[in-house]
Amino acid sequence: LQNYVNKERILQRSERPDSVESLKDKEATIVEVEREVHGLVPIISEVVVKGLKDLPPKLFEQHVHVLFPLFCELTIVSSFEVRSLVREVLLEQVAPLLKPSP
């Protein structure tokens, strides 16, 4: 997940004008990173995030301290599919953990 988020950040930064890098090199880098990101979307959405969504609640709760920051990062990626699944995980797995204890 972190690798995907890092590649998304590279793409988001590349949209901002700032570089001393030659235009051809920058374009080649952007194209390669876009290709990698698009290739990761089905894996992230259909395998990783869905798998986390389907974890038993007790197991998810044991790892939420590590997962929550990653889910926060995934809320700003360009893929609507990934963002939608992250929303589902937050609603179905994280929200129940926010209930006040009796």
PDB file of N, CA and C in Angstrom:
ATOM      1  N   LEU A   1       0.825  -1.200   0.000  1.00  0.00           N
ATOM      2  CA  LEU A   1       0.000   0.000   0.000  1.00  0.00           C
ATOM      3  C   LEU A   1       0.867   1.261   0.000  1.00  0.00           C
ATOM      4  N   GLN A   2       1.908   1.234   0.806  1.00  0.00           N
ATOM      5  CA  GLN A   2       2.754   2.425   0.892  1.00  0.00           C
ATOM      6  C   GLN A   2       3.450   2.703  -0.438  1.00  0.00           C
ATOM      7  N   ASN A   3       3.854   1.665  -1.148  1.00  0.00           N
ATOM      8  CA  ASN A   3       4.481   1.826  -2.453  1.00  0.00           C
ATOM      9  C   ASN A   3       3.523   2.515  -3.422  1.00  0.00           C
ATOM     10  N   TYR A   4       2.271   2.088  -3.418  1.00  0.00           N
ATOM     11  CA  TYR A   4       1.249   2.697  -4.276  1.00  0.00           C
ATOM     12  C   TYR A   4       1.067   4.170  -3.921  1.00  0.00           C
ATOM     13  N   VAL A   5       0.969   4.461  -2.643  1.00  0.00           N
ATOM     14  CA  VAL A   5       0.802   5.841  -2.184  1.00  0.00           C
ATOM     15  C   VAL A   5       1.998   6.695  -2.608  1.00  0.00           C
ATOM     16  N   ASN A   6       3.195   6.145  -2.479  1.00  0.00           N
ATOM     17  CA  ASN A   6       4.399   6.894  -2.873  1.00  0.00           C
ATOM     18  C   ASN A   6       4.394   7.225  -4.363  1.00  0.00           C
ATOM     19  N   LYS A   7       3.980   6.274  -5.187  1.00  0.00           N
ATOM     20  CA  LYS A   7       3.917   6.509  -6.633  1.00  0.00           C
ATOM     21  C   LYS A   7       2.856   7.552  -6.969  1.00  0.00           C
ATOM     22  N   GLU A   8       1.743   7.518  -6.262  1.00  0.00           N
ATOM     23  CA  GLU A   8       0.706   8.534  -6.458  1.00  0.00           C
ATOM     24  C   GLU A   8       1.247   9.920  -6.121  1.00  0.00           C
ATOM     25  N   ARG A   9       2.021  10.014  -5.061  1.00  0.00           N
ATOM     26  CA  ARG A   9       2.607  11.307  -4.672  1.00  0.00           C
ATOM     27  C   ARG A   9       3.549  11.822  -5.747  1.00  0.00           C
ATOM     28  N   ILE A  10       4.327  10.913  -6.333  1.00  0.00           N
ATOM     29  CA  ILE A  10       5.221  11.317  -7.421  1.00  0.00           C
ATOM     30  C   ILE A  10       4.412  11.922  -8.553  1.00  0.00           C
ATOM     31  N   LEU A  11       3.308  11.280  -8.903  1.00  0.00           N
ATOM     32  CA  LEU A  11       2.460  11.807  -9.981  1.00  0.00           C
ATOM     33  C   LEU A  11       1.869  13.156  -9.607  1.00  0.00           C
ATOM     34  N   GLN A  12       1.412  13.294  -8.386  1.00  0.00           N
ATOM     35  CA  GLN A  12       0.808  14.555  -7.966  1.00  0.00           C
ATOM     36  C   GLN A  12       1.843  15.676  -7.964  1.00  0.00           C
ATOM     37  N   ARG A  13       3.057  15.377  -7.530  1.00  0.00           N
ATOM     38  CA  ARG A  13       4.122  16.391  -7.537  1.00  0.00           C
ATOM     39  C   ARG A  13       4.540  16.744  -8.959  1.00  0.00           C
ATOM     40  N   SER A  14       4.478  15.779  -9.855  1.00  0.00           N
ATOM     41  CA  SER A  14       4.920  16.020 -11.228  1.00  0.00           C
ATOM     42  C   SER A  14       3.990  16.975 -11.965  1.00  0.00           C
ATOM     43  N   GLU A  15       2.777  17.146 -11.461  1.00  0.00           N
ATOM     44  CA  GLU A  15       1.834  18.071 -12.090  1.00  0.00           C
ATOM     45  C   GLU A  15       2.161  19.519 -11.751  1.00  0.00           C
ATOM     46  N   ARG A  16       2.979  19.717 -10.739  1.00  0.00           N
ATOM     47  CA  ARG A  16       3.365  21.074 -10.349  1.00  0.00           C
ATOM     48  C   ARG A  16       4.617  21.495 -11.116  1.00  0.00           C
ATOM     49  N   PRO A  17       4.629  22.694 -11.670  1.00  0.00           N
ATOM     50  CA  PRO A  17       5.839  23.154 -12.355  1.00  0.00           C
ATOM     51  C   PRO A  17       6.917  23.498 -11.333  1.00  0.00           C
ATOM     52  N   ASP A  18       8.149  22.980 -11.510  1.00  0.00           N
ATOM     53  CA  ASP A  18       9.209  23.318 -10.583  1.00  0.00           C
ATOM     54  C   ASP A  18      10.571  22.785 -10.993  1.00  0.00           C
ATOM     55  N   SER A  19      10.637  21.894 -11.890  1.00  0.00           N
ATOM     56  CA  SER A  19      11.831  21.089 -12.070  1.00  0.00           C
ATOM     57  C   SER A  19      12.890  21.708 -12.964  1.00  0.00           C
ATOM     58  N   VAL A  20      14.138  21.364 -12.651  1.00  0.00           N
ATOM     59  CA  VAL A  20      15.272  21.726 -13.485  1.00  0.00           C
ATOM     60  C   VAL A  20      15.515  20.581 -14.475  1.00  0.00           C
ATOM     61  N   GLU A  21      14.904  19.443 -14.184  1.00  0.00           N
ATOM     62  CA  GLU A  21      15.017  18.242 -15.004  1.00  0.00           C
ATOM     63  C   GLU A  21      14.550  18.543 -16.426  1.00  0.00           C
ATOM     64  N   SER A  22      15.189  17.931 -17.402  1.00  0.00           N
ATOM     65  CA  SER A  22      14.781  18.179 -18.783  1.00  0.00           C
ATOM     66  C   SER A  22      13.357  17.686 -19.002  1.00  0.00           C
ATOM     67  N   LEU A  23      12.647  18.340 -19.889  1.00  0.00           N
ATOM     68  CA  LEU A  23      11.248  18.024 -20.155  1.00  0.00           C
ATOM     69  C   LEU A  23      11.084  16.586 -20.622  1.00  0.00           C
ATOM     70  N   LYS A  24      11.965  16.096 -21.493  1.00  0.00           N
ATOM     71  CA  LYS A  24      11.859  14.718 -21.988  1.00  0.00           C
ATOM     72  C   LYS A  24      12.036  13.717 -20.856  1.00  0.00           C
ATOM     73  N   ASP A  25      13.018  13.941 -19.987  1.00  0.00           N
ATOM     74  CA  ASP A  25      13.242  13.034 -18.860  1.00  0.00           C
ATOM     75  C   ASP A  25      12.048  13.039 -17.920  1.00  0.00           C
ATOM     76  N   LYS A  26      11.512  14.217 -17.673  1.00  0.00           N
ATOM     77  CA  LYS A  26      10.370  14.338 -16.774  1.00  0.00           C
ATOM     78  C   LYS A  26       9.158  13.625 -17.364  1.00  0.00           C
ATOM     79  N   GLU A  27       8.914  13.812 -18.648  1.00  0.00           N
ATOM     80  CA  GLU A  27       7.785  13.149 -19.295  1.00  0.00           C
ATOM     81  C   GLU A  27       7.938  11.636 -19.266  1.00  0.00           C
ATOM     82  N   ALA A  28       9.143  11.145 -19.507  1.00  0.00           N
ATOM     83  CA  ALA A  28       9.390   9.697 -19.484  1.00  0.00           C
ATOM     84  C   ALA A  28       9.149   9.131 -18.089  1.00  0.00           C
ATOM     85  N   THR A  29       9.585   9.859 -17.089  1.00  0.00           N
ATOM     86  CA  THR A  29       9.383   9.423 -15.705  1.00  0.00           C
ATOM     87  C   THR A  29       7.901   9.388 -15.368  1.00  0.00           C
ATOM     88  N   ILE A  30       7.182  10.412 -15.756  1.00  0.00           N
ATOM     89  CA  ILE A  30       5.750  10.491 -15.476  1.00  0.00           C
ATOM     90  C   ILE A  30       5.005   9.341 -16.151  1.00  0.00           C
ATOM     91  N   VAL A  31       5.327   9.084 -17.412  1.00  0.00           N
ATOM     92  CA  VAL A  31       4.665   7.999 -18.144  1.00  0.00           C
ATOM     93  C   VAL A  31       4.919   6.665 -17.460  1.00  0.00           C
ATOM     94  N   GLU A  32       6.149   6.427 -17.037  1.00  0.00           N
ATOM     95  CA  GLU A  32       6.481   5.161 -16.378  1.00  0.00           C
ATOM     96  C   GLU A  32       5.754   5.024 -15.038  1.00  0.00           C
ATOM     97  N   VAL A  33       5.734   6.075 -14.258  1.00  0.00           N
ATOM     98  CA  VAL A  33       5.051   6.012 -12.955  1.00  0.00           C
ATOM     99  C   VAL A  33       3.549   5.848 -13.149  1.00  0.00           C
ATOM    100  N   GLU A  34       2.970   6.535 -14.121  1.00  0.00           N
ATOM    101  CA  GLU A  34       1.534   6.366 -14.410  1.00  0.00           C
ATOM    102  C   GLU A  34       1.230   4.925 -14.777  1.00  0.00           C
ATOM    103  N   ARG A  35       2.090   4.318 -15.592  1.00  0.00           N
ATOM    104  CA  ARG A  35       1.900   2.926 -15.991  1.00  0.00           C
ATOM    105  C   ARG A  35       1.931   2.017 -14.757  1.00  0.00           C
ATOM    106  N   GLU A  36       2.886   2.249 -13.876  1.00  0.00           N
ATOM    107  CA  GLU A  36       2.985   1.453 -12.654  1.00  0.00           C
ATOM    108  C   GLU A  36       1.761   1.628 -11.769  1.00  0.00           C
ATOM    109  N   VAL A  37       1.325   2.878 -11.602  1.00  0.00           N
ATOM    110  CA  VAL A  37       0.163   3.156 -10.754  1.00  0.00           C
ATOM    111  C   VAL A  37      -1.080   2.486 -11.318  1.00  0.00           C
ATOM    112  N   HIS A  38      -1.308   2.627 -12.612  1.00  0.00           N
ATOM    113  CA  HIS A  38      -2.493   2.006 -13.228  1.00  0.00           C
ATOM    114  C   HIS A  38      -2.437   0.486 -13.120  1.00  0.00           C
ATOM    115  N   GLY A  39      -1.245  -0.080 -13.178  1.00  0.00           N
ATOM    116  CA  GLY A  39      -1.105  -1.521 -13.009  1.00  0.00           C
ATOM    117  C   GLY A  39      -1.376  -1.976 -11.584  1.00  0.00           C
ATOM    118  N   LEU A  40      -1.118  -1.114 -10.624  1.00  0.00           N
ATOM    119  CA  LEU A  40      -1.338  -1.459  -9.215  1.00  0.00           C
ATOM    120  C   LEU A  40      -2.791  -1.312  -8.777  1.00  0.00           C
ATOM    121  N   VAL A  41      -3.575  -0.484  -9.460  1.00  0.00           N
ATOM    122  CA  VAL A  41      -4.958  -0.213  -9.034  1.00  0.00           C
ATOM    123  C   VAL A  41      -5.773  -1.487  -8.848  1.00  0.00           C
ATOM    124  N   PRO A  42      -5.812  -2.418  -9.810  1.00  0.00           N
ATOM    125  CA  PRO A  42      -6.620  -3.623  -9.592  1.00  0.00           C
ATOM    126  C   PRO A  42      -6.119  -4.464  -8.417  1.00  0.00           C
ATOM    127  N   ILE A  43      -4.818  -4.509  -8.227  1.00  0.00           N
ATOM    128  CA  ILE A  43      -4.267  -5.286  -7.111  1.00  0.00           C
ATOM    129  C   ILE A  43      -4.638  -4.636  -5.788  1.00  0.00           C
ATOM    130  N   ILE A  44      -4.475  -3.333  -5.710  1.00  0.00           N
ATOM    131  CA  ILE A  44      -4.798  -2.609  -4.475  1.00  0.00           C
ATOM    132  C   ILE A  44      -6.284  -2.721  -4.162  1.00  0.00           C
ATOM    133  N   SER A  45      -7.130  -2.477  -5.165  1.00  0.00           N
ATOM    134  CA  SER A  45      -8.567  -2.442  -4.900  1.00  0.00           C
ATOM    135  C   SER A  45      -9.184  -3.829  -4.757  1.00  0.00           C
ATOM    136  N   GLU A  46      -8.905  -4.722  -5.706  1.00  0.00           N
ATOM    137  CA  GLU A  46      -9.586  -6.015  -5.726  1.00  0.00           C
ATOM    138  C   GLU A  46      -8.991  -7.044  -4.772  1.00  0.00           C
ATOM    139  N   VAL A  47      -7.736  -6.874  -4.408  1.00  0.00           N
ATOM    140  CA  VAL A  47      -7.096  -7.859  -3.545  1.00  0.00           C
ATOM    141  C   VAL A  47      -6.827  -7.290  -2.156  1.00  0.00           C
ATOM    142  N   VAL A  48      -6.024  -6.241  -2.085  1.00  0.00           N
ATOM    143  CA  VAL A  48      -5.555  -5.760  -0.786  1.00  0.00           C
ATOM    144  C   VAL A  48      -6.676  -5.114   0.023  1.00  0.00           C
ATOM    145  N   VAL A  49      -7.300  -4.082  -0.534  1.00  0.00           N
ATOM    146  CA  VAL A  49      -8.318  -3.356   0.244  1.00  0.00           C
ATOM    147  C   VAL A  49      -9.539  -4.238   0.499  1.00  0.00           C
ATOM    148  N   LYS A  50      -9.982  -4.991  -0.502  1.00  0.00           N
ATOM    149  CA  LYS A  50     -11.116  -5.900  -0.273  1.00  0.00           C
ATOM    150  C   LYS A  50     -10.773  -6.945   0.775  1.00  0.00           C
ATOM    151  N   GLY A  51      -9.540  -7.438   0.741  1.00  0.00           N
ATOM    152  CA  GLY A  51      -9.114  -8.407   1.756  1.00  0.00           C
ATOM    153  C   GLY A  51      -9.139  -7.819   3.150  1.00  0.00           C
ATOM    154  N   LEU A  52      -8.698  -6.586   3.278  1.00  0.00           N
ATOM    155  CA  LEU A  52      -8.734  -5.919   4.587  1.00  0.00           C
ATOM    156  C   LEU A  52     -10.167  -5.651   5.029  1.00  0.00           C
ATOM    157  N   LYS A  53     -11.013  -5.326   4.068  1.00  0.00           N
ATOM    158  CA  LYS A  53     -12.428  -5.086   4.375  1.00  0.00           C
ATOM    159  C   LYS A  53     -13.095  -6.349   4.914  1.00  0.00           C
ATOM    160  N   ASP A  54     -12.661  -7.500   4.402  1.00  0.00           N
ATOM    161  CA  ASP A  54     -13.287  -8.767   4.782  1.00  0.00           C
ATOM    162  C   ASP A  54     -12.631  -9.452   5.976  1.00  0.00           C
ATOM    163  N   LEU A  55     -11.626  -8.817   6.570  1.00  0.00           N
ATOM    164  CA  LEU A  55     -11.004  -9.408   7.758  1.00  0.00           C
ATOM    165  C   LEU A  55     -12.018  -9.522   8.887  1.00  0.00           C
ATOM    166  N   PRO A  56     -11.892 -10.547   9.715  1.00  0.00           N
ATOM    167  CA  PRO A  56     -12.735 -10.601  10.916  1.00  0.00           C
ATOM    168  C   PRO A  56     -12.484  -9.347  11.760  1.00  0.00           C
ATOM    169  N   PRO A  57     -13.538  -8.768  12.307  1.00  0.00           N
ATOM    170  CA  PRO A  57     -13.391  -7.512  13.060  1.00  0.00           C
ATOM    171  C   PRO A  57     -12.308  -7.536  14.146  1.00  0.00           C
ATOM    172  N   LYS A  58     -12.185  -8.627  14.867  1.00  0.00           N
ATOM    173  CA  LYS A  58     -11.180  -8.694  15.947  1.00  0.00           C
ATOM    174  C   LYS A  58      -9.760  -8.627  15.372  1.00  0.00           C
ATOM    175  N   LEU A  59      -9.539  -9.297  14.252  1.00  0.00           N
ATOM    176  CA  LEU A  59      -8.226  -9.270  13.617  1.00  0.00           C
ATOM    177  C   LEU A  59      -7.926  -7.880  13.065  1.00  0.00           C
ATOM    178  N   PHE A  60      -8.928  -7.256  12.451  1.00  0.00           N
ATOM    179  CA  PHE A  60      -8.761  -5.894  11.937  1.00  0.00           C
ATOM    180  C   PHE A  60      -8.414  -4.948  13.088  1.00  0.00           C
ATOM    181  N   GLU A  61      -9.109  -5.096  14.188  1.00  0.00           N
ATOM    182  CA  GLU A  61      -8.879  -4.226  15.343  1.00  0.00           C
ATOM    183  C   GLU A  61      -7.439  -4.338  15.854  1.00  0.00           C
ATOM    184  N   GLN A  62      -6.859  -5.521  15.783  1.00  0.00           N
ATOM    185  CA  GLN A  62      -5.483  -5.713  16.239  1.00  0.00           C
ATOM    186  C   GLN A  62      -4.478  -4.934  15.386  1.00  0.00           C
ATOM    187  N   HIS A  63      -4.844  -4.666  14.143  1.00  0.00           N
ATOM    188  CA  HIS A  63      -3.914  -4.022  13.219  1.00  0.00           C
ATOM    189  C   HIS A  63      -4.338  -2.618  12.787  1.00  0.00           C
ATOM    190  N   VAL A  64      -5.415  -2.119  13.342  1.00  0.00           N
ATOM    191  CA  VAL A  64      -5.945  -0.823  12.907  1.00  0.00           C
ATOM    192  C   VAL A  64      -4.945   0.308  13.120  1.00  0.00           C
ATOM    193  N   HIS A  65      -4.113   0.221  14.131  1.00  0.00           N
ATOM    194  CA  HIS A  65      -3.130   1.286  14.388  1.00  0.00           C
ATOM    195  C   HIS A  65      -2.120   1.418  13.248  1.00  0.00           C
ATOM    196  N   VAL A  66      -1.880   0.345  12.510  1.00  0.00           N
ATOM    197  CA  VAL A  66      -0.981   0.385  11.354  1.00  0.00           C
ATOM    198  C   VAL A  66      -1.758   0.725  10.084  1.00  0.00           C
ATOM    199  N   LEU A  67      -2.957   0.182   9.972  1.00  0.00           N
ATOM    200  CA  LEU A  67      -3.756   0.336   8.754  1.00  0.00           C
ATOM    201  C   LEU A  67      -4.376   1.722   8.594  1.00  0.00           C
ATOM    202  N   PHE A  68      -4.818   2.313   9.677  1.00  0.00           N
ATOM    203  CA  PHE A  68      -5.535   3.589   9.567  1.00  0.00           C
ATOM    204  C   PHE A  68      -4.732   4.682   8.869  1.00  0.00           C
ATOM    205  N   PRO A  69      -3.457   4.883   9.217  1.00  0.00           N
ATOM    206  CA  PRO A  69      -2.691   5.907   8.488  1.00  0.00           C
ATOM    207  C   PRO A  69      -2.585   5.610   6.984  1.00  0.00           C
ATOM    208  N   LEU A  70      -2.484   4.328   6.617  1.00  0.00           N
ATOM    209  CA  LEU A  70      -2.442   3.973   5.195  1.00  0.00           C
ATOM    210  C   LEU A  70      -3.770   4.280   4.511  1.00  0.00           C
ATOM    211  N   PHE A  71      -4.866   3.992   5.188  1.00  0.00           N
ATOM    212  CA  PHE A  71      -6.175   4.320   4.617  1.00  0.00           C
ATOM    213  C   PHE A  71      -6.322   5.828   4.431  1.00  0.00           C
ATOM    214  N   CYS A  72      -5.813   6.587   5.369  1.00  0.00           N
ATOM    215  CA  CYS A  72      -5.856   8.049   5.227  1.00  0.00           C
ATOM    216  C   CYS A  72      -5.097   8.482   3.982  1.00  0.00           C
ATOM    217  N   GLU A  73      -3.946   7.901   3.735  1.00  0.00           N
ATOM    218  CA  GLU A  73      -3.167   8.214   2.537  1.00  0.00           C
ATOM    219  C   GLU A  73      -3.931   7.836   1.272  1.00  0.00           C
ATOM    220  N   LEU A  74      -4.659   6.718   1.314  1.00  0.00           N
ATOM    221  CA  LEU A  74      -5.385   6.252   0.136  1.00  0.00           C
ATOM    222  C   LEU A  74      -6.618   7.096  -0.188  1.00  0.00           C
ATOM    223  N   THR A  75      -7.029   7.954   0.727  1.00  0.00           N
ATOM    224  CA  THR A  75      -8.202   8.793   0.442  1.00  0.00           C
ATOM    225  C   THR A  75      -7.910   9.875  -0.583  1.00  0.00           C
ATOM    226  N   ILE A  76      -6.636  10.133  -0.876  1.00  0.00           N
ATOM    227  CA  ILE A  76      -6.313  11.195  -1.829  1.00  0.00           C
ATOM    228  C   ILE A  76      -5.699  10.682  -3.129  1.00  0.00           C
ATOM    229  N   VAL A  77      -5.736   9.366  -3.349  1.00  0.00           N
ATOM    230  CA  VAL A  77      -5.203   8.840  -4.610  1.00  0.00           C
ATOM    231  C   VAL A  77      -6.162   9.177  -5.748  1.00  0.00           C
ATOM    232  N   SER A  78      -5.680   9.066  -6.963  1.00  0.00           N
ATOM    233  CA  SER A  78      -6.495   9.456  -8.113  1.00  0.00           C
ATOM    234  C   SER A  78      -7.569   8.434  -8.472  1.00  0.00           C
ATOM    235  N   SER A  79      -7.397   7.186  -8.092  1.00  0.00           N
ATOM    236  CA  SER A  79      -8.351   6.141  -8.465  1.00  0.00           C
ATOM    237  C   SER A  79      -9.617   6.211  -7.621  1.00  0.00           C
ATOM    238  N   PHE A  80     -10.742   6.466  -8.296  1.00  0.00           N
ATOM    239  CA  PHE A  80     -12.033   6.493  -7.611  1.00  0.00           C
ATOM    240  C   PHE A  80     -12.356   5.123  -7.017  1.00  0.00           C
ATOM    241  N   GLU A  81     -11.974   4.067  -7.740  1.00  0.00           N
ATOM    242  CA  GLU A  81     -12.232   2.702  -7.282  1.00  0.00           C
ATOM    243  C   GLU A  81     -11.552   2.443  -5.933  1.00  0.00           C
ATOM    244  N   VAL A  82     -10.307   2.836  -5.809  1.00  0.00           N
ATOM    245  CA  VAL A  82      -9.573   2.643  -4.557  1.00  0.00           C
ATOM    246  C   VAL A  82     -10.191   3.495  -3.457  1.00  0.00           C
ATOM    247  N   ARG A  83     -10.479   4.762  -3.758  1.00  0.00           N
ATOM    248  CA  ARG A  83     -11.068   5.645  -2.736  1.00  0.00           C
ATOM    249  C   ARG A  83     -12.419   5.121  -2.250  1.00  0.00           C
ATOM    250  N   SER A  84     -13.224   4.586  -3.158  1.00  0.00           N
ATOM    251  CA  SER A  84     -14.545   4.049  -2.783  1.00  0.00           C
ATOM    252  C   SER A  84     -14.416   2.854  -1.857  1.00  0.00           C
ATOM    253  N   LEU A  85     -13.472   1.966  -2.173  1.00  0.00           N
ATOM    254  CA  LEU A  85     -13.277   0.804  -1.304  1.00  0.00           C
ATOM    255  C   LEU A  85     -12.716   1.204   0.058  1.00  0.00           C
ATOM    256  N   VAL A  86     -11.846   2.180   0.075  1.00  0.00           N
ATOM    257  CA  VAL A  86     -11.323   2.672   1.355  1.00  0.00           C
ATOM    258  C   VAL A  86     -12.459   3.235   2.199  1.00  0.00           C
ATOM    259  N   ARG A  87     -13.349   3.953   1.560  1.00  0.00           N
ATOM    260  CA  ARG A  87     -14.533   4.487   2.263  1.00  0.00           C
ATOM    261  C   ARG A  87     -15.334   3.351   2.901  1.00  0.00           C
ATOM    262  N   GLU A  88     -15.538   2.273   2.143  1.00  0.00           N
ATOM    263  CA  GLU A  88     -16.277   1.121   2.672  1.00  0.00           C
ATOM    264  C   GLU A  88     -15.563   0.521   3.877  1.00  0.00           C
ATOM    265  N   VAL A  89     -14.249   0.391   3.796  1.00  0.00           N
ATOM    266  CA  VAL A  89     -13.487  -0.152   4.928  1.00  0.00           C
ATOM    267  C   VAL A  89     -13.627   0.750   6.146  1.00  0.00           C
ATOM    268  N   LEU A  90     -13.511   2.047   5.922  1.00  0.00           N
ATOM    269  CA  LEU A  90     -13.629   2.978   7.046  1.00  0.00           C
ATOM    270  C   LEU A  90     -15.008   2.880   7.694  1.00  0.00           C
ATOM    271  N   LEU A  91     -16.038   2.758   6.874  1.00  0.00           N
ATOM    272  CA  LEU A  91     -17.393   2.669   7.420  1.00  0.00           C
ATOM    273  C   LEU A  91     -17.672   1.324   8.088  1.00  0.00           C
ATOM    274  N   GLU A  92     -17.195   0.249   7.486  1.00  0.00           N
ATOM    275  CA  GLU A  92     -17.540  -1.086   7.988  1.00  0.00           C
ATOM    276  C   GLU A  92     -16.587  -1.615   9.060  1.00  0.00           C
ATOM    277  N   GLN A  93     -15.324  -1.230   8.993  1.00  0.00           N
ATOM    278  CA  GLN A  93     -14.359  -1.789   9.942  1.00  0.00           C
ATOM    279  C   GLN A  93     -13.899  -0.784  10.997  1.00  0.00           C
ATOM    280  N   VAL A  94     -13.676   0.465  10.587  1.00  0.00           N
ATOM    281  CA  VAL A  94     -13.129   1.450  11.531  1.00  0.00           C
ATOM    282  C   VAL A  94     -14.237   2.103  12.355  1.00  0.00           C
ATOM    283  N   ALA A  95     -15.327   2.489  11.720  1.00  0.00           N
ATOM    284  CA  ALA A  95     -16.409   3.181  12.440  1.00  0.00           C
ATOM    285  C   ALA A  95     -16.900   2.409  13.669  1.00  0.00           C
ATOM    286  N   PRO A  96     -17.096   1.093  13.578  1.00  0.00           N
ATOM    287  CA  PRO A  96     -17.539   0.377  14.782  1.00  0.00           C
ATOM    288  C   PRO A  96     -16.548   0.467  15.952  1.00  0.00           C
ATOM    289  N   LEU A  97     -15.285   0.692  15.644  1.00  0.00           N
ATOM    290  CA  LEU A  97     -14.277   0.811  16.708  1.00  0.00           C
ATOM    291  C   LEU A  97     -14.352   2.160  17.413  1.00  0.00           C
ATOM    292  N   LEU A  98     -15.065   3.098  16.824  1.00  0.00           N
ATOM    293  CA  LEU A  98     -15.155   4.449  17.394  1.00  0.00           C
ATOM    294  C   LEU A  98     -16.317   4.603  18.369  1.00  0.00           C
ATOM    295  N   LYS A  99     -17.108   3.563  18.532  1.00  0.00           N
ATOM    296  CA  LYS A  99     -18.227   3.632  19.479  1.00  0.00           C
ATOM    297  C   LYS A  99     -17.678   3.765  20.897  1.00  0.00           C
ATOM    298  N   PRO A 100     -18.338   4.582  21.695  1.00  0.00           N
ATOM    299  CA  PRO A 100     -17.892   4.676  23.093  1.00  0.00           C
ATOM    300  C   PRO A 100     -18.161   3.360  23.811  1.00  0.00           C
ATOM    301  N   SER A 101     -17.241   2.958  24.648  1.00  0.00           N
ATOM    302  CA  SER A 101     -17.439   1.702  25.378  1.00  0.00           C
ATOM    303  C   SER A 101     -18.426   1.931  26.517  1.00  0.00           C
ATOM    304  N   PRO A 102     -19.238   0.905  26.804  1.00  0.00           N
ATOM    305  CA  PRO A 102     -20.265   1.055  27.856  1.00  0.00           C
ATOM    306  C   PRO A 102     -19.696   1.142  29.245  1.00  0.00           C
TER     307      PRO A 102
END
